[in-house]
Protein backbone atom coordinates (compact mmCIF):
# COMPACT_ATOMS: atom_id res chain seq x y z
CA MET A 1 37.23 50.00 -12.65
CA ALA A 2 34.20 50.22 -10.24
CA LYS A 3 34.22 52.86 -7.54
CA VAL A 4 37.53 52.58 -6.14
CA THR A 5 38.09 52.59 -2.25
CA ARG A 6 41.52 52.53 -0.54
CA ARG A 7 40.86 49.73 1.28
CA SER A 8 39.64 47.70 -1.85
CA PHE A 9 42.38 48.71 -3.84
CA VAL A 10 44.81 47.38 -1.73
CA THR A 11 43.16 44.24 -1.18
CA THR A 12 42.42 43.75 -5.23
CA VAL A 13 46.13 44.44 -6.17
CA GLY A 14 48.05 42.60 -3.23
CA ALA A 15 49.95 45.61 -2.20
CA ALA A 16 52.45 43.57 -0.09
CA SER A 17 53.44 41.35 -2.98
CA VAL A 18 54.45 44.35 -5.62
CA VAL A 19 57.66 44.20 -6.69
CA PRO A 20 58.34 46.95 -9.63
CA ALA A 21 58.89 45.13 -12.78
CA ALA A 22 60.98 48.30 -13.79
CA ALA A 23 63.63 47.99 -11.17
CA LEU A 24 67.09 48.53 -11.21
CA LEU A 25 67.14 51.28 -14.32
CA THR A 26 69.04 53.90 -15.42
CA VAL A 27 67.24 57.12 -16.04
CA THR A 28 68.25 59.15 -19.87
CA THR A 29 66.42 61.84 -21.10
CA SER A 30 63.91 60.93 -23.71
CA GLY A 31 60.53 62.40 -25.95
CA ALA A 32 59.95 66.12 -25.62
CA PRO A 33 60.38 67.75 -22.11
CA ALA A 34 57.36 68.89 -20.57
CA ASP A 35 57.36 72.98 -19.55
CA ALA A 36 57.94 72.96 -15.52
CA ALA A 37 55.23 75.55 -15.33
CA THR A 38 52.15 74.10 -17.54
CA ALA A 39 53.21 69.95 -16.53
CA ALA A 40 53.46 69.98 -13.08
CA PRO A 41 49.91 69.15 -11.11
CA ALA A 42 48.87 71.12 -8.29
CA ALA A 43 50.41 70.71 -5.26
CA ALA A 44 49.85 67.64 -3.78
CA LYS A 45 49.73 67.21 -0.11
CA THR A 46 52.06 64.88 2.27
CA PRO A 47 51.11 63.32 5.52
CA SER A 48 52.42 66.28 7.14
CA GLY A 49 50.49 68.69 5.37
CA ALA A 50 53.30 70.29 3.54
CA ALA A 51 52.79 70.87 -0.26
CA ALA A 52 55.24 68.19 -2.28
CA ASP A 53 57.49 69.16 -4.61
CA LYS A 54 56.25 69.56 -7.85
CA PRO A 55 57.89 67.28 -10.89
CA VAL A 56 59.54 68.09 -13.79
CA TYR A 57 59.07 65.58 -16.29
CA LEU A 58 61.88 64.45 -19.07
CA PHE A 59 59.84 62.23 -20.86
CA PHE A 60 56.21 63.04 -21.04
CA ASN A 61 55.75 66.49 -23.18
CA ALA A 62 52.85 68.76 -21.54
CA ASP A 63 49.91 67.23 -23.00
CA GLU A 64 50.57 63.94 -22.22
CA VAL A 65 51.36 64.83 -18.68
CA LEU A 66 47.37 66.12 -18.48
CA PHE A 67 46.33 62.74 -19.30
CA ILE A 68 48.95 60.73 -17.34
CA GLU A 69 48.24 62.68 -14.13
CA ALA A 70 44.37 62.59 -14.44
CA ALA A 71 44.43 58.79 -15.76
CA CYS A 72 46.30 57.52 -12.57
CA GLU A 73 44.46 59.80 -10.15
CA ARG A 74 41.29 58.53 -11.02
CA LEU A 75 43.02 54.48 -11.15
CA ILE A 76 44.32 55.48 -8.18
CA PRO A 77 41.93 58.24 -6.27
CA ALA A 78 42.87 59.63 -2.85
CA ASP A 79 40.42 59.33 0.00
CA GLU A 80 39.84 59.51 3.43
CA SER A 81 42.95 57.04 3.83
CA GLY A 82 45.22 59.21 2.39
CA PRO A 83 47.09 60.29 -0.93
CA GLY A 84 45.90 58.76 -4.18
CA ALA A 85 48.23 58.60 -7.24
CA LEU A 86 48.86 62.36 -7.63
CA GLY A 87 49.99 62.48 -3.67
CA ALA A 88 52.61 59.77 -3.97
CA GLY A 89 54.13 60.75 -7.20
CA VAL A 90 53.15 58.20 -9.36
CA PRO A 91 53.46 60.11 -12.81
CA ASN A 92 57.04 60.72 -11.85
CA TYR A 93 57.64 57.33 -11.47
CA LEU A 94 56.16 56.39 -14.95
CA ASP A 95 58.34 59.44 -16.27
CA LYS A 96 61.77 57.88 -15.13
CA GLN A 97 60.77 54.22 -15.86
CA LEU A 98 59.97 55.14 -19.36
CA GLY A 99 62.70 57.50 -19.63
CA GLY A 100 64.97 55.04 -18.98
CA ALA A 101 66.58 51.78 -20.20
CA TRP A 102 63.44 49.87 -19.27
CA GLY A 103 61.47 52.43 -21.22
CA ALA A 104 63.93 51.98 -24.51
CA GLY A 105 63.46 48.22 -24.52
CA GLU A 106 66.53 47.65 -23.02
CA ARG A 107 65.79 44.09 -22.69
CA LEU A 108 63.10 43.43 -24.66
CA TYR A 109 63.26 40.70 -27.92
CA ARG A 110 63.17 43.12 -30.70
CA SER A 111 64.05 40.81 -33.73
CA GLY A 112 60.33 39.96 -34.40
CA PRO A 113 58.44 38.22 -36.33
CA TRP A 114 55.48 40.55 -35.31
CA GLN A 115 52.13 38.82 -34.86
CA LEU A 116 49.27 38.45 -32.32
CA GLY A 117 50.02 35.68 -29.72
CA THR A 118 48.33 34.16 -27.23
CA PRO A 119 48.10 35.34 -23.38
CA SER A 120 50.65 32.94 -22.40
CA GLN A 121 53.45 34.55 -24.44
CA GLY A 122 53.56 37.61 -23.08
CA TYR A 123 53.78 41.00 -25.03
CA GLN A 124 54.18 40.58 -28.60
CA LEU A 125 55.08 44.04 -30.21
CA PRO A 126 57.20 45.82 -31.72
CA PHE A 127 56.98 48.57 -29.36
CA THR A 128 59.30 49.77 -26.89
CA PRO A 129 57.34 50.79 -23.40
CA GLY A 130 58.35 54.35 -24.17
CA GLU A 131 57.06 54.15 -27.78
CA LEU A 132 54.23 52.34 -27.10
CA PHE A 133 52.94 55.38 -24.50
CA HIS A 134 54.20 58.25 -26.75
CA THR A 135 52.05 56.11 -29.71
CA CYS A 136 48.95 55.22 -27.63
CA LEU A 137 49.02 58.73 -25.83
CA ARG A 138 49.21 61.07 -29.45
CA ALA A 139 46.27 58.39 -30.32
CA ILE A 140 44.23 59.15 -27.62
CA SER A 141 45.25 62.59 -28.00
CA ARG A 142 43.64 62.78 -31.46
CA ASP A 143 40.28 60.38 -30.58
CA LEU A 144 39.16 62.90 -27.79
CA GLU A 145 39.87 66.07 -29.90
CA ALA A 146 36.18 64.95 -31.63
CA SER A 147 34.68 65.06 -28.41
CA LYS A 148 36.10 68.72 -27.65
CA THR A 149 36.85 67.68 -24.38
CA PRO A 150 40.32 66.64 -22.86
CA PHE A 151 40.32 63.84 -20.59
CA HIS A 152 42.01 66.09 -17.48
CA GLU A 153 38.45 68.33 -18.06
CA MET A 154 35.74 65.66 -18.20
CA SER A 155 34.20 64.79 -14.96
CA ALA A 156 34.98 61.75 -12.84
CA ASP A 157 32.50 59.77 -14.50
CA ASN A 158 33.53 60.15 -18.02
CA GLN A 159 36.93 59.65 -17.50
CA ASP A 160 36.21 56.50 -15.52
CA ALA A 161 34.08 55.31 -18.85
CA TYR A 162 36.67 56.14 -21.19
CA LEU A 163 39.20 54.09 -19.00
CA LYS A 164 37.08 51.31 -19.29
CA SER A 165 36.66 51.54 -22.58
CA LEU A 166 40.59 51.33 -22.87
CA GLU A 167 40.33 48.55 -20.76
CA SER A 168 37.91 46.85 -22.50
CA GLY A 169 39.87 46.61 -25.97
CA GLY A 170 37.38 49.26 -27.58
CA HIS A 171 40.13 51.86 -29.07
CA GLU A 172 42.99 50.91 -31.44
CA LEU A 173 45.72 53.46 -31.08
CA ASP A 174 47.70 52.96 -33.94
CA GLY A 175 48.82 49.32 -33.88
CA VAL A 176 48.76 49.27 -30.21
CA PRO A 177 45.36 47.75 -28.91
CA SER A 178 44.02 49.82 -26.14
CA ALA A 179 43.63 46.53 -23.87
CA ILE A 180 47.32 46.46 -23.50
CA PHE A 181 48.02 50.15 -23.19
CA PHE A 182 45.74 50.05 -20.33
CA ASP A 183 47.10 46.96 -18.80
CA MET A 184 50.65 48.49 -18.75
CA LEU A 185 49.33 51.95 -17.10
CA LEU A 186 47.29 50.48 -14.62
CA LYS A 187 50.67 48.05 -13.49
CA MET A 188 52.98 51.01 -13.50
CA SER A 189 50.68 53.04 -11.15
CA VAL A 190 50.61 50.38 -8.66
CA GLU A 191 54.35 49.72 -9.08
CA GLY A 192 54.87 53.76 -8.74
CA PHE A 193 52.42 53.76 -5.61
CA PHE A 194 53.85 50.54 -3.65
CA SER A 195 58.05 50.38 -4.97
CA ASP A 196 60.25 52.49 -2.94
CA PRO A 197 60.52 55.99 -3.34
CA VAL A 198 64.37 55.75 -4.88
CA TYR A 199 62.06 55.21 -8.10
CA GLY A 200 60.46 57.95 -7.76
CA GLY A 201 57.19 57.14 -6.81
CA ASN A 202 55.64 56.55 -3.38
CA ARG A 203 56.37 60.44 -2.14
CA ASP A 204 56.45 60.08 1.54
CA MET A 205 56.04 56.32 1.80
CA VAL A 206 52.25 57.34 1.73
CA ALA A 207 51.54 53.59 0.60
CA TRP A 208 53.80 52.21 2.97
CA ARG A 209 52.29 53.93 6.02
CA MET A 210 49.23 53.00 4.52
CA ILE A 211 49.60 48.91 4.72
CA GLY A 212 52.19 49.05 7.56
CA PHE A 213 55.17 48.33 5.66
CA PRO A 214 58.36 49.51 7.27
CA GLY A 215 60.57 48.96 4.06
CA ALA A 216 64.20 48.72 3.90
CA TYR A 217 65.73 48.29 7.17
CA ALA A 218 69.20 47.00 6.94
CA ASP A 219 69.14 44.85 10.35
CA TYR A 220 66.38 44.04 12.85
CA PHE A 221 69.04 43.21 15.66
CA GLU A 222 66.98 45.35 17.85
CA ALA A 223 64.04 43.13 17.51
CA ILE A 224 65.52 39.50 17.07
CA ASP A 225 65.10 38.63 21.19
CA HIS A 226 61.22 40.55 21.08
CA HIS A 227 58.69 37.67 20.62
CA GLY A 228 54.51 37.86 20.05
CA VAL A 229 55.33 41.44 19.58
CA LYS A 230 53.82 43.34 16.82
CA PHE A 231 56.82 44.94 14.64
CA VAL A 232 56.16 48.80 14.44
CA ARG A 233 58.42 51.08 12.89
CA GLU A 234 58.88 54.57 10.65
CA PRO A 235 59.17 52.87 6.95
CA MET A 236 62.78 53.29 5.76
CA SER A 237 63.82 53.87 2.05
CA LEU A 238 66.71 52.16 0.47
CA ALA A 239 67.59 56.18 -0.90
CA GLU A 240 67.74 57.23 2.76
CA ASP A 241 69.94 59.28 4.14
CA GLY A 242 71.55 59.85 7.78
CA LYS A 243 69.30 62.45 8.54
CA GLY A 244 65.67 60.86 6.91
CA HIS A 245 65.86 62.80 3.57
CA ILE A 246 65.11 60.27 0.26
CA HIS A 247 67.35 60.69 -2.43
CA THR A 248 65.75 59.42 -5.80
CA ARG A 249 68.51 57.92 -7.87
CA GLN A 250 69.06 58.42 -11.35
CA ASP A 251 71.91 55.94 -11.85
CA ILE A 252 70.88 52.74 -11.32
CA PRO A 253 72.10 50.70 -13.87
CA ALA A 254 69.87 48.38 -15.99
CA ASN A 255 72.26 45.56 -16.36
CA LEU A 256 74.05 44.27 -12.88
């Protein structure tokens, strides 16, 4: 949570090895839908300079969107290298994954017993990911009511300080240790930034362009006989059609 540059962020998370934990999901409507007029962020800029489409949130409500958008942008801020979390559509990725089968805990063991485990035992809470986010965001909203300043209206330094307090476990969020919520928020933000645009994030493949990743080419026939030559191609998404348009899928099954 120290001052973040794009170069240090990419180095820290090992962008080339990021694989979405919530891949192969189906998206369903869950939670209170956000009003499109109040929940959508200010128009982010794509690499071409055109205004990006404003997302329609199905999982997060309008108040939750304000926190999620601001928090994600502090975790992955825009800089001279390109857009940050908002410009890459990271909150949209979170909304789709938490509103789908993974967010509903389709693959989680849900029979208890529920007790504090060791780090090596992994996730030990009774909440599905979707329940965890709604629970924590409600608790955070109550926590910040005392300061009379919503998270999205704080200065960048104060936002960072609050996120650090979550990361250090300084809050109990209605049964969820804040460190667990922060860890999930950070990991999902990284996933949304680097995963294939088919899952709702990495808008315009901005993260892939930044690190030089070519994406999901079906074949490399033309490059087979070119040895010792740097491979340079425009990135391609799993969801890209013949005209180069990317279509976010909402029907990818969770249990192939």
